[in-house]
Full PDB file with SEQRES, HELIX, SHEET, SSBOND, CRYST1, ORIGX, SCALE, CONECT and MASTER records, all heavy atoms in Angstrom:
SEQRES   1 A   35  LEU THR LEU ARG HIS ARG LYS THR THR LYS TYR GLN ASN          
SEQRES   2 A   35  PRO ALA ARG GLN VAL GLU VAL ARG ARG ASN ASP ARG VAL          
SEQRES   3 A   35  ARG ILE VAL SER MET PRO ALA GLU LYS                          
HELIX    1 AA1 PRO A   14  GLU A   19  1                                   6    
HELIX    2 AA2 ARG A   22  ARG A   25  1                                   4    
CRYST1    1.000    1.000    1.000  90.00  90.00  90.00 P 1           1          
ORIGX1      1.000000  0.000000  0.000000        0.00000                         
ORIGX2      0.000000  1.000000  0.000000        0.00000                         
ORIGX3      0.000000  0.000000  1.000000        0.00000                         
SCALE1      1.000000  0.000000  0.000000        0.00000                         
SCALE2      0.000000  1.000000  0.000000        0.00000                         
SCALE3      0.000000  0.000000  1.000000        0.00000                         
ATOM      1  N   LEU A   1     -70.673 -11.143  -1.134  1.00  0.00           N  
ATOM      2  CA  LEU A   1     -70.645 -11.804   0.168  1.00  0.00           C  
ATOM      3  C   LEU A   1     -69.225 -11.959   0.691  1.00  0.00           C  
ATOM      4  O   LEU A   1     -68.977 -11.868   1.895  1.00  0.00           O  
ATOM      5  CB  LEU A   1     -71.309 -13.184   0.066  1.00  0.00           C  
ATOM      6  CG  LEU A   1     -72.826 -13.184  -0.126  1.00  0.00           C  
ATOM      7  CD1 LEU A   1     -73.324 -14.596  -0.344  1.00  0.00           C  
ATOM      8  CD2 LEU A   1     -73.522 -12.552   1.068  1.00  0.00           C  
ATOM      9  N   THR A   2     -68.285 -12.198  -0.219  1.00  0.00           N  
ATOM     10  CA  THR A   2     -66.901 -12.395   0.197  1.00  0.00           C  
ATOM     11  C   THR A   2     -66.257 -11.094   0.665  1.00  0.00           C  
ATOM     12  O   THR A   2     -65.484 -11.086   1.627  1.00  0.00           O  
ATOM     13  CB  THR A   2     -66.086 -12.986  -0.968  1.00  0.00           C  
ATOM     14  OG1 THR A   2     -66.702 -14.199  -1.388  1.00  0.00           O  
ATOM     15  CG2 THR A   2     -64.665 -13.264  -0.543  1.00  0.00           C  
ATOM     16  N   LEU A   3     -66.575  -9.992   0.021  1.00  0.00           N  
ATOM     17  CA  LEU A   3     -65.930  -8.717   0.320  1.00  0.00           C  
ATOM     18  C   LEU A   3     -66.688  -7.893   1.352  1.00  0.00           C  
ATOM     19  O   LEU A   3     -66.503  -6.681   1.415  1.00  0.00           O  
ATOM     20  CB  LEU A   3     -65.773  -7.904  -0.977  1.00  0.00           C  
ATOM     21  CG  LEU A   3     -64.854  -8.520  -2.034  1.00  0.00           C  
ATOM     22  CD1 LEU A   3     -64.790  -7.629  -3.259  1.00  0.00           C  
ATOM     23  CD2 LEU A   3     -63.464  -8.742  -1.465  1.00  0.00           C  
ATOM     24  N   ARG A   4     -67.553  -8.528   2.115  1.00  0.00           N  
ATOM     25  CA  ARG A   4     -68.244  -7.763   3.156  1.00  0.00           C  
ATOM     26  C   ARG A   4     -67.238  -7.320   4.224  1.00  0.00           C  
ATOM     27  O   ARG A   4     -66.256  -8.011   4.496  1.00  0.00           O  
ATOM     28  CB  ARG A   4     -69.356  -8.601   3.777  1.00  0.00           C  
ATOM     29  CG  ARG A   4     -68.895  -9.829   4.518  1.00  0.00           C  
ATOM     30  CD  ARG A   4     -70.089 -10.610   5.036  1.00  0.00           C  
ATOM     31  NE  ARG A   4     -69.686 -11.743   5.844  1.00  0.00           N  
ATOM     32  CZ  ARG A   4     -69.386 -12.931   5.387  1.00  0.00           C  
ATOM     33  NH1 ARG A   4     -69.438 -13.138   4.084  1.00  0.00           N  
ATOM     34  NH2 ARG A   4     -69.026 -13.911   6.189  1.00  0.00           N  
ATOM     35  N   HIS A   5     -67.502  -6.191   4.829  1.00  0.00           N  
ATOM     36  CA  HIS A   5     -66.547  -5.580   5.752  1.00  0.00           C  
ATOM     37  C   HIS A   5     -66.554  -6.304   7.088  1.00  0.00           C  
ATOM     38  O   HIS A   5     -67.597  -6.610   7.655  1.00  0.00           O  
ATOM     39  CB  HIS A   5     -66.894  -4.101   5.961  1.00  0.00           C  
ATOM     40  CG  HIS A   5     -66.682  -3.282   4.732  1.00  0.00           C  
ATOM     41  ND1 HIS A   5     -65.438  -2.874   4.312  1.00  0.00           N  
ATOM     42  CD2 HIS A   5     -67.552  -2.812   3.805  1.00  0.00           C  
ATOM     43  CE1 HIS A   5     -65.539  -2.177   3.209  1.00  0.00           C  
ATOM     44  NE2 HIS A   5     -66.815  -2.129   2.863  1.00  0.00           N  
ATOM     45  N   ARG A   6     -65.361  -6.599   7.570  1.00  0.00           N  
ATOM     46  CA  ARG A   6     -65.193  -7.180   8.895  1.00  0.00           C  
ATOM     47  C   ARG A   6     -64.306  -6.256   9.711  1.00  0.00           C  
ATOM     48  O   ARG A   6     -63.427  -5.580   9.175  1.00  0.00           O  
ATOM     49  CB  ARG A   6     -64.545  -8.567   8.805  1.00  0.00           C  
ATOM     50  CG  ARG A   6     -65.320  -9.574   7.993  1.00  0.00           C  
ATOM     51  CD  ARG A   6     -64.663 -10.956   8.112  1.00  0.00           C  
ATOM     52  NE  ARG A   6     -65.297 -11.939   7.263  1.00  0.00           N  
ATOM     53  CZ  ARG A   6     -64.881 -12.254   6.049  1.00  0.00           C  
ATOM     54  NH1 ARG A   6     -63.818 -11.652   5.562  1.00  0.00           N  
ATOM     55  NH2 ARG A   6     -65.504 -13.159   5.328  1.00  0.00           N  
ATOM     56  N   LYS A   7     -64.516  -6.237  11.005  1.00  0.00           N  
ATOM     57  CA  LYS A   7     -63.747  -5.353  11.864  1.00  0.00           C  
ATOM     58  C   LYS A   7     -62.286  -5.792  11.977  1.00  0.00           C  
ATOM     59  O   LYS A   7     -61.407  -4.981  12.222  1.00  0.00           O  
ATOM     60  CB  LYS A   7     -64.385  -5.312  13.252  1.00  0.00           C  
ATOM     61  CG  LYS A   7     -65.772  -4.699  13.265  1.00  0.00           C  
ATOM     62  CD  LYS A   7     -66.340  -4.668  14.679  1.00  0.00           C  
ATOM     63  CE  LYS A   7     -67.734  -4.046  14.691  1.00  0.00           C  
ATOM     64  NZ  LYS A   7     -68.319  -4.018  16.051  1.00  0.00           N  
ATOM     65  N   THR A   8     -62.043  -7.092  11.823  1.00  0.00           N  
ATOM     66  CA  THR A   8     -60.681  -7.606  12.015  1.00  0.00           C  
ATOM     67  C   THR A   8     -59.869  -7.639  10.731  1.00  0.00           C  
ATOM     68  O   THR A   8     -58.735  -8.103  10.740  1.00  0.00           O  
ATOM     69  CB  THR A   8     -60.757  -9.029  12.592  1.00  0.00           C  
ATOM     70  OG1 THR A   8     -61.494  -9.871  11.694  1.00  0.00           O  
ATOM     71  CG2 THR A   8     -61.432  -9.034  13.949  1.00  0.00           C  
ATOM     72  N   THR A   9     -60.427  -7.148   9.638  1.00  0.00           N  
ATOM     73  CA  THR A   9     -59.738  -7.209   8.351  1.00  0.00           C  
ATOM     74  C   THR A   9     -59.351  -5.809   7.901  1.00  0.00           C  
ATOM     75  O   THR A   9     -60.132  -4.868   8.043  1.00  0.00           O  
ATOM     76  CB  THR A   9     -60.643  -7.870   7.288  1.00  0.00           C  
ATOM     77  OG1 THR A   9     -61.072  -9.137   7.770  1.00  0.00           O  
ATOM     78  CG2 THR A   9     -59.888  -8.064   5.984  1.00  0.00           C  
ATOM     79  N   LYS A  10     -58.145  -5.677   7.380  1.00  0.00           N  
ATOM     80  CA  LYS A  10     -57.671  -4.395   6.863  1.00  0.00           C  
ATOM     81  C   LYS A  10     -58.043  -4.272   5.394  1.00  0.00           C  
ATOM     82  O   LYS A  10     -57.937  -5.233   4.629  1.00  0.00           O  
ATOM     83  CB  LYS A  10     -56.158  -4.283   7.024  1.00  0.00           C  
ATOM     84  CG  LYS A  10     -55.697  -4.260   8.476  1.00  0.00           C  
ATOM     85  CD  LYS A  10     -54.184  -4.117   8.565  1.00  0.00           C  
ATOM     86  CE  LYS A  10     -53.726  -4.069  10.011  1.00  0.00           C  
ATOM     87  NZ  LYS A  10     -52.250  -3.943  10.113  1.00  0.00           N  
ATOM     88  N   TYR A  11     -58.484  -3.095   4.989  1.00  0.00           N  
ATOM     89  CA  TYR A  11     -58.917  -2.863   3.628  1.00  0.00           C  
ATOM     90  C   TYR A  11     -58.165  -1.684   3.030  1.00  0.00           C  
ATOM     91  O   TYR A  11     -57.677  -0.813   3.758  1.00  0.00           O  
ATOM     92  CB  TYR A  11     -60.427  -2.565   3.575  1.00  0.00           C  
ATOM     93  CG  TYR A  11     -61.294  -3.743   3.941  1.00  0.00           C  
ATOM     94  CD1 TYR A  11     -61.730  -3.916   5.240  1.00  0.00           C  
ATOM     95  CD2 TYR A  11     -61.654  -4.670   2.989  1.00  0.00           C  
ATOM     96  CE1 TYR A  11     -62.519  -4.996   5.583  1.00  0.00           C  
ATOM     97  CE2 TYR A  11     -62.441  -5.749   3.316  1.00  0.00           C  
ATOM     98  CZ  TYR A  11     -62.878  -5.918   4.609  1.00  0.00           C  
ATOM     99  OH  TYR A  11     -63.656  -6.989   4.946  1.00  0.00           O  
ATOM    100  N   GLN A  12     -58.084  -1.668   1.728  1.00  0.00           N  
ATOM    101  CA  GLN A  12     -57.500  -0.545   1.003  1.00  0.00           C  
ATOM    102  C   GLN A  12     -58.605   0.146   0.220  1.00  0.00           C  
ATOM    103  O   GLN A  12     -59.490  -0.506  -0.348  1.00  0.00           O  
ATOM    104  CB  GLN A  12     -56.407  -1.022   0.039  1.00  0.00           C  
ATOM    105  CG  GLN A  12     -55.185  -1.580   0.741  1.00  0.00           C  
ATOM    106  CD  GLN A  12     -54.119  -1.996  -0.242  1.00  0.00           C  
ATOM    107  OE1 GLN A  12     -54.344  -2.019  -1.442  1.00  0.00           O  
ATOM    108  NE2 GLN A  12     -52.953  -2.324   0.260  1.00  0.00           N  
ATOM    109  N   ASN A  13     -58.531   1.456   0.199  1.00  0.00           N  
ATOM    110  CA  ASN A  13     -59.502   2.251  -0.534  1.00  0.00           C  
ATOM    111  C   ASN A  13     -58.845   2.744  -1.819  1.00  0.00           C  
ATOM    112  O   ASN A  13     -58.008   3.659  -1.777  1.00  0.00           O  
ATOM    113  CB  ASN A  13     -59.980   3.433   0.318  1.00  0.00           C  
ATOM    114  CG  ASN A  13     -61.164   4.136  -0.305  1.00  0.00           C  
ATOM    115  OD1 ASN A  13     -61.468   3.942  -1.482  1.00  0.00           O  
ATOM    116  ND2 ASN A  13     -61.845   4.952   0.487  1.00  0.00           N  
ATOM    117  N   PRO A  14     -59.174   2.153  -2.965  1.00  0.00           N  
ATOM    118  CA  PRO A  14     -58.517   2.571  -4.215  1.00  0.00           C  
ATOM    119  C   PRO A  14     -58.745   4.047  -4.533  1.00  0.00           C  
ATOM    120  O   PRO A  14     -57.871   4.696  -5.111  1.00  0.00           O  
ATOM    121  CB  PRO A  14     -59.152   1.661  -5.267  1.00  0.00           C  
ATOM    122  CG  PRO A  14     -59.665   0.477  -4.504  1.00  0.00           C  
ATOM    123  CD  PRO A  14     -60.076   1.006  -3.176  1.00  0.00           C  
ATOM    124  N   ALA A  15     -59.908   4.595  -4.171  1.00  0.00           N  
ATOM    125  CA  ALA A  15     -60.174   6.008  -4.473  1.00  0.00           C  
ATOM    126  C   ALA A  15     -59.205   6.916  -3.722  1.00  0.00           C  
ATOM    127  O   ALA A  15     -58.674   7.890  -4.282  1.00  0.00           O  
ATOM    128  CB  ALA A  15     -61.619   6.346  -4.106  1.00  0.00           C  
ATOM    129  N   ARG A  16     -58.949   6.604  -2.467  1.00  0.00           N  
ATOM    130  CA  ARG A  16     -57.994   7.414  -1.694  1.00  0.00           C  
ATOM    131  C   ARG A  16     -56.568   7.203  -2.193  1.00  0.00           C  
ATOM    132  O   ARG A  16     -55.746   8.133  -2.140  1.00  0.00           O  
ATOM    133  CB  ARG A  16     -58.092   7.050  -0.213  1.00  0.00           C  
ATOM    134  CG  ARG A  16     -59.425   7.423   0.417  1.00  0.00           C  
ATOM    135  CD  ARG A  16     -59.410   7.163   1.905  1.00  0.00           C  
ATOM    136  NE  ARG A  16     -58.395   7.974   2.569  1.00  0.00           N  
ATOM    137  CZ  ARG A  16     -58.084   7.865   3.862  1.00  0.00           C  
ATOM    138  NH1 ARG A  16     -58.722   6.972   4.620  1.00  0.00           N  
ATOM    139  NH2 ARG A  16     -57.158   8.621   4.393  1.00  0.00           N  
ATOM    140  N   GLN A  17     -56.244   6.001  -2.671  1.00  0.00           N  
ATOM    141  CA  GLN A  17     -54.911   5.765  -3.209  1.00  0.00           C  
ATOM    142  C   GLN A  17     -54.665   6.588  -4.468  1.00  0.00           C  
ATOM    143  O   GLN A  17     -53.563   7.111  -4.690  1.00  0.00           O  
ATOM    144  CB  GLN A  17     -54.723   4.277  -3.509  1.00  0.00           C  
ATOM    145  CG  GLN A  17     -54.634   3.415  -2.268  1.00  0.00           C  
ATOM    146  CD  GLN A  17     -54.502   1.954  -2.615  1.00  0.00           C  
ATOM    147  OE1 GLN A  17     -54.944   1.510  -3.674  1.00  0.00           O  
ATOM    148  NE2 GLN A  17     -53.883   1.189  -1.729  1.00  0.00           N  
ATOM    149  N   VAL A  18     -55.683   6.736  -5.300  1.00  0.00           N  
ATOM    150  CA  VAL A  18     -55.534   7.511  -6.532  1.00  0.00           C  
ATOM    151  C   VAL A  18     -55.378   9.002  -6.219  1.00  0.00           C  
ATOM    152  O   VAL A  18     -54.663   9.739  -6.917  1.00  0.00           O  
ATOM    153  CB  VAL A  18     -56.745   7.263  -7.459  1.00  0.00           C  
ATOM    154  CG1 VAL A  18     -56.718   8.191  -8.663  1.00  0.00           C  
ATOM    155  CG2 VAL A  18     -56.759   5.819  -7.921  1.00  0.00           C  
ATOM    156  N   GLU A  19     -56.038   9.469  -5.162  1.00  0.00           N  
ATOM    157  CA  GLU A  19     -55.992  10.885  -4.817  1.00  0.00           C  
ATOM    158  C   GLU A  19     -54.680  11.320  -4.151  1.00  0.00           C  
ATOM    159  O   GLU A  19     -54.456  12.510  -3.930  1.00  0.00           O  
ATOM    160  CB  GLU A  19     -57.160  11.218  -3.878  1.00  0.00           C  
ATOM    161  CG  GLU A  19     -58.526  11.098  -4.549  1.00  0.00           C  
ATOM    162  CD  GLU A  19     -59.655  11.297  -3.562  1.00  0.00           C  
ATOM    163  OE1 GLU A  19     -59.369  11.442  -2.346  1.00  0.00           O  
ATOM    164  OE2 GLU A  19     -60.822  11.303  -3.996  1.00  0.00           O  
ATOM    165  N   VAL A  20     -53.831  10.360  -3.799  1.00  0.00           N  
ATOM    166  CA  VAL A  20     -52.585  10.693  -3.115  1.00  0.00           C  
ATOM    167  C   VAL A  20     -51.654  11.470  -4.048  1.00  0.00           C  
ATOM    168  O   VAL A  20     -51.503  11.127  -5.222  1.00  0.00           O  
ATOM    169  CB  VAL A  20     -51.891   9.402  -2.601  1.00  0.00           C  
ATOM    170  CG1 VAL A  20     -50.496   9.704  -2.106  1.00  0.00           C  
ATOM    171  CG2 VAL A  20     -52.729   8.777  -1.499  1.00  0.00           C  
ATOM    172  N   ARG A  21     -51.042  12.509  -3.519  1.00  0.00           N  
ATOM    173  CA  ARG A  21     -50.086  13.309  -4.280  1.00  0.00           C  
ATOM    174  C   ARG A  21     -48.687  13.132  -3.690  1.00  0.00           C  
ATOM    175  O   ARG A  21     -48.527  12.624  -2.579  1.00  0.00           O  
ATOM    176  CB  ARG A  21     -50.473  14.798  -4.238  1.00  0.00           C  
ATOM    177  CG  ARG A  21     -51.797  15.091  -4.899  1.00  0.00           C  
ATOM    178  CD  ARG A  21     -51.720  14.813  -6.407  1.00  0.00           C  
ATOM    179  NE  ARG A  21     -52.977  15.091  -7.066  1.00  0.00           N  
ATOM    180  CZ  ARG A  21     -53.871  14.172  -7.386  1.00  0.00           C  
ATOM    181  NH1 ARG A  21     -53.629  12.903  -7.063  1.00  0.00           N  
ATOM    182  NH2 ARG A  21     -54.972  14.492  -8.005  1.00  0.00           N  
ATOM    183  N   ARG A  22     -47.706  13.592  -4.419  1.00  0.00           N  
ATOM    184  CA  ARG A  22     -46.326  13.417  -3.990  1.00  0.00           C  
ATOM    185  C   ARG A  22     -46.048  14.145  -2.685  1.00  0.00           C  
ATOM    186  O   ARG A  22     -45.376  13.636  -1.795  1.00  0.00           O  
ATOM    187  CB  ARG A  22     -45.379  13.920  -5.078  1.00  0.00           C  
ATOM    188  CG  ARG A  22     -43.907  13.694  -4.747  1.00  0.00           C  
ATOM    189  CD  ARG A  22     -43.017  14.429  -5.699  1.00  0.00           C  
ATOM    190  NE  ARG A  22     -43.190  15.876  -5.527  1.00  0.00           N  
ATOM    191  CZ  ARG A  22     -42.491  16.783  -6.219  1.00  0.00           C  
ATOM    192  NH1 ARG A  22     -41.606  16.395  -7.113  1.00  0.00           N  
ATOM    193  NH2 ARG A  22     -42.693  18.076  -6.021  1.00  0.00           N  
ATOM    194  N   ASN A  23     -46.607  15.321  -2.539  1.00  0.00           N  
ATOM    195  CA  ASN A  23     -46.354  16.107  -1.334  1.00  0.00           C  
ATOM    196  C   ASN A  23     -46.948  15.454  -0.083  1.00  0.00           C  
ATOM    197  O   ASN A  23     -46.536  15.762   1.030  1.00  0.00           O  
ATOM    198  CB  ASN A  23     -46.925  17.518  -1.501  1.00  0.00           C  
ATOM    199  CG  ASN A  23     -46.213  18.282  -2.605  1.00  0.00           C  
ATOM    200  OD1 ASN A  23     -45.048  17.998  -2.892  1.00  0.00           O  
ATOM    201  ND2 ASN A  23     -46.908  19.225  -3.224  1.00  0.00           N  
ATOM    202  N   ASP A  24     -47.927  14.565  -0.274  1.00  0.00           N  
ATOM    203  CA  ASP A  24     -48.521  13.875   0.878  1.00  0.00           C  
ATOM    204  C   ASP A  24     -47.642  12.737   1.383  1.00  0.00           C  
ATOM    205  O   ASP A  24     -47.780  12.313   2.532  1.00  0.00           O  
ATOM    206  CB  ASP A  24     -49.896  13.305   0.505  1.00  0.00           C  
ATOM    207  CG  ASP A  24     -50.862  14.397   0.082  1.00  0.00           C  
ATOM    208  OD1 ASP A  24     -50.692  15.545   0.543  1.00  0.00           O  
ATOM    209  OD2 ASP A  24     -51.784  14.095  -0.707  1.00  0.00           O  
ATOM    210  N   ARG A  25     -46.739  12.281   0.567  1.00  0.00           N  
ATOM    211  CA  ARG A  25     -45.959  11.098   0.943  1.00  0.00           C  
ATOM    212  C   ARG A  25     -44.447  11.368   1.034  1.00  0.00           C  
ATOM    213  O   ARG A  25     -43.733  10.700   1.745  1.00  0.00           O  
ATOM    214  CB  ARG A  25     -46.200   9.965  -0.076  1.00  0.00           C  
ATOM    215  CG  ARG A  25     -47.603   9.416  -0.052  1.00  0.00           C  
ATOM    216  CD  ARG A  25     -47.838   8.632   1.223  1.00  0.00           C  
ATOM    217  NE  ARG A  25     -49.151   8.014   1.245  1.00  0.00           N  
ATOM    218  CZ  ARG A  25     -50.207   8.518   1.861  1.00  0.00           C  
ATOM    219  NH1 ARG A  25     -50.098   9.686   2.476  1.00  0.00           N  
ATOM    220  NH2 ARG A  25     -51.359   7.898   1.843  1.00  0.00           N  
ATOM    221  N   VAL A  26     -43.980  12.327   0.250  1.00  0.00           N  
ATOM    222  CA  VAL A  26     -42.536  12.585   0.192  1.00  0.00           C  
ATOM    223  C   VAL A  26     -42.273  14.015   0.653  1.00  0.00           C  
ATOM    224  O   VAL A  26     -42.944  14.956   0.214  1.00  0.00           O  
ATOM    225  CB  VAL A  26     -41.990  12.378  -1.237  1.00  0.00           C  
ATOM    226  CG1 VAL A  26     -40.496  12.667  -1.273  1.00  0.00           C  
ATOM    227  CG2 VAL A  26     -42.271  10.958  -1.703  1.00  0.00           C  
ATOM    228  N   ARG A  27     -41.285  14.164   1.513  1.00  0.00           N  
ATOM    229  CA  ARG A  27     -40.879  15.482   1.967  1.00  0.00           C  
ATOM    230  C   ARG A  27     -39.376  15.619   1.746  1.00  0.00           C  
ATOM    231  O   ARG A  27     -38.594  14.790   2.216  1.00  0.00           O  
ATOM    232  CB  ARG A  27     -41.207  15.672   3.446  1.00  0.00           C  
ATOM    233  CG  ARG A  27     -40.907  17.092   3.928  1.00  0.00           C  
ATOM    234  CD  ARG A  27     -41.306  17.284   5.378  1.00  0.00           C  
ATOM    235  NE  ARG A  27     -40.533  16.393   6.234  1.00  0.00           N  
ATOM    236  CZ  ARG A  27     -40.641  16.368   7.567  1.00  0.00           C  
ATOM    237  NH1 ARG A  27     -41.523  17.148   8.161  1.00  0.00           N  
ATOM    238  NH2 ARG A  27     -39.914  15.543   8.282  1.00  0.00           N  
ATOM    239  N   ILE A  28     -38.991  16.630   1.006  1.00  0.00           N  
ATOM    240  CA  ILE A  28     -37.588  16.871   0.702  1.00  0.00           C  
ATOM    241  C   ILE A  28     -37.035  17.849   1.747  1.00  0.00           C  
ATOM    242  O   ILE A  28     -37.553  18.944   1.921  1.00  0.00           O  
ATOM    243  CB  ILE A  28     -37.413  17.438  -0.717  1.00  0.00           C  
ATOM    244  CG1 ILE A  28     -37.967  16.436  -1.735  1.00  0.00           C  
ATOM    245  CG2 ILE A  28     -35.958  17.758  -0.987  1.00  0.00           C  
ATOM    246  CD1 ILE A  28     -37.922  16.937  -3.150  1.00  0.00           C  
ATOM    247  N   VAL A  29     -36.010  17.411   2.425  1.00  0.00           N  
ATOM    248  CA  VAL A  29     -35.391  18.214   3.478  1.00  0.00           C  
ATOM    249  C   VAL A  29     -34.030  18.683   2.992  1.00  0.00           C  
ATOM    250  O   VAL A  29     -33.195  17.884   2.544  1.00  0.00           O  
ATOM    251  CB  VAL A  29     -35.242  17.402   4.788  1.00  0.00           C  
ATOM    252  CG1 VAL A  29     -34.578  18.245   5.876  1.00  0.00           C  
ATOM    253  CG2 VAL A  29     -36.607  16.911   5.247  1.00  0.00           C  
ATOM    254  N   SER A  30     -33.793  19.961   3.072  1.00  0.00           N  
ATOM    255  CA  SER A  30     -32.503  20.532   2.650  1.00  0.00           C  
ATOM    256  C   SER A  30     -31.571  20.549   3.856  1.00  0.00           C  
ATOM    257  O   SER A  30     -31.846  21.204   4.870  1.00  0.00           O  
ATOM    258  CB  SER A  30     -32.715  21.956   2.118  1.00  0.00           C  
ATOM    259  OG  SER A  30     -31.471  22.511   1.755  1.00  0.00           O  
ATOM    260  N   MET A  31     -30.490  19.800   3.753  1.00  0.00           N  
ATOM    261  CA  MET A  31     -29.519  19.728   4.847  1.00  0.00           C  
ATOM    262  C   MET A  31     -28.158  20.145   4.319  1.00  0.00           C  
ATOM    263  O   MET A  31     -27.788  19.795   3.179  1.00  0.00           O  
ATOM    264  CB  MET A  31     -29.462  18.281   5.387  1.00  0.00           C  
ATOM    265  CG  MET A  31     -30.760  17.807   6.003  1.00  0.00           C  
ATOM    266  SD  MET A  31     -30.615  16.123   6.611  1.00  0.00           S  
ATOM    267  CE  MET A  31     -29.385  16.352   7.894  1.00  0.00           C  
ATOM    268  N   PRO A  32     -27.421  20.855   5.137  1.00  0.00           N  
ATOM    269  CA  PRO A  32     -26.055  21.251   4.685  1.00  0.00           C  
ATOM    270  C   PRO A  32     -25.145  20.054   4.623  1.00  0.00           C  
ATOM    271  O   PRO A  32     -25.281  19.097   5.392  1.00  0.00           O  
ATOM    272  CB  PRO A  32     -25.613  22.254   5.756  1.00  0.00           C  
ATOM    273  CG  PRO A  32     -26.423  21.883   6.967  1.00  0.00           C  
ATOM    274  CD  PRO A  32     -27.760  21.402   6.450  1.00  0.00           C  
ATOM    275  N   ALA A  33     -24.211  20.080   3.690  1.00  0.00           N  
ATOM    276  CA  ALA A  33     -23.281  18.980   3.539  1.00  0.00           C  
ATOM    277  C   ALA A  33     -22.317  18.951   4.722  1.00  0.00           C  
ATOM    278  O   ALA A  33     -21.914  19.986   5.258  1.00  0.00           O  
ATOM    279  CB  ALA A  33     -22.506  19.114   2.242  1.00  0.00           C  
ATOM    280  N   GLU A  34     -21.931  17.764   5.121  1.00  0.00           N  
ATOM    281  CA  GLU A  34     -21.021  17.606   6.250  1.00  0.00           C  
ATOM    282  C   GLU A  34     -19.726  16.988   5.768  1.00  0.00           C  
ATOM    283  O   GLU A  34     -19.740  16.083   4.917  1.00  0.00           O  
ATOM    284  CB  GLU A  34     -21.655  16.713   7.317  1.00  0.00           C  
ATOM    285  CG  GLU A  34     -22.910  17.310   7.946  1.00  0.00           C  
ATOM    286  CD  GLU A  34     -23.474  16.429   9.029  1.00  0.00           C  
ATOM    287  OE1 GLU A  34     -22.880  15.354   9.282  1.00  0.00           O  
ATOM    288  OE2 GLU A  34     -24.509  16.778   9.620  1.00  0.00           O  
ATOM    289  N   LYS A  35     -18.618  17.474   6.321  1.00  0.00           N  
ATOM    290  CA  LYS A  35     -17.326  16.921   5.995  1.00  0.00           C  
ATOM    291  C   LYS A  35     -16.887  15.937   7.047  1.00  0.00           C  
ATOM    292  O   LYS A  35     -17.274  16.053   8.210  1.00  0.00           O  
ATOM    293  CB  LYS A  35     -16.280  18.026   5.864  1.00  0.00           C  
ATOM    294  CG  LYS A  35     -16.552  19.011   4.735  1.00  0.00           C  
ATOM    295  CD  LYS A  35     -15.459  20.046   4.661  1.00  0.00           C  
ATOM    296  CE  LYS A  35     -15.714  21.012   3.533  1.00  0.00           C  
ATOM    297  NZ  LYS A  35     -14.655  22.055   3.445  1.00  0.00           N  
TER     298      LYS A  35                                                      
MASTER        0    0    0    2    0    0    0    6  297    1    0    3          
END                                                                             
């Protein structure tokens, strides 16, 4: 009863959090060094 879904409440989906990979969140950009 407590965890019923409400439109005004934000929820986290643990299954989607586990499926996240590094490439989905981090992007490595190669930039030339500046003097």
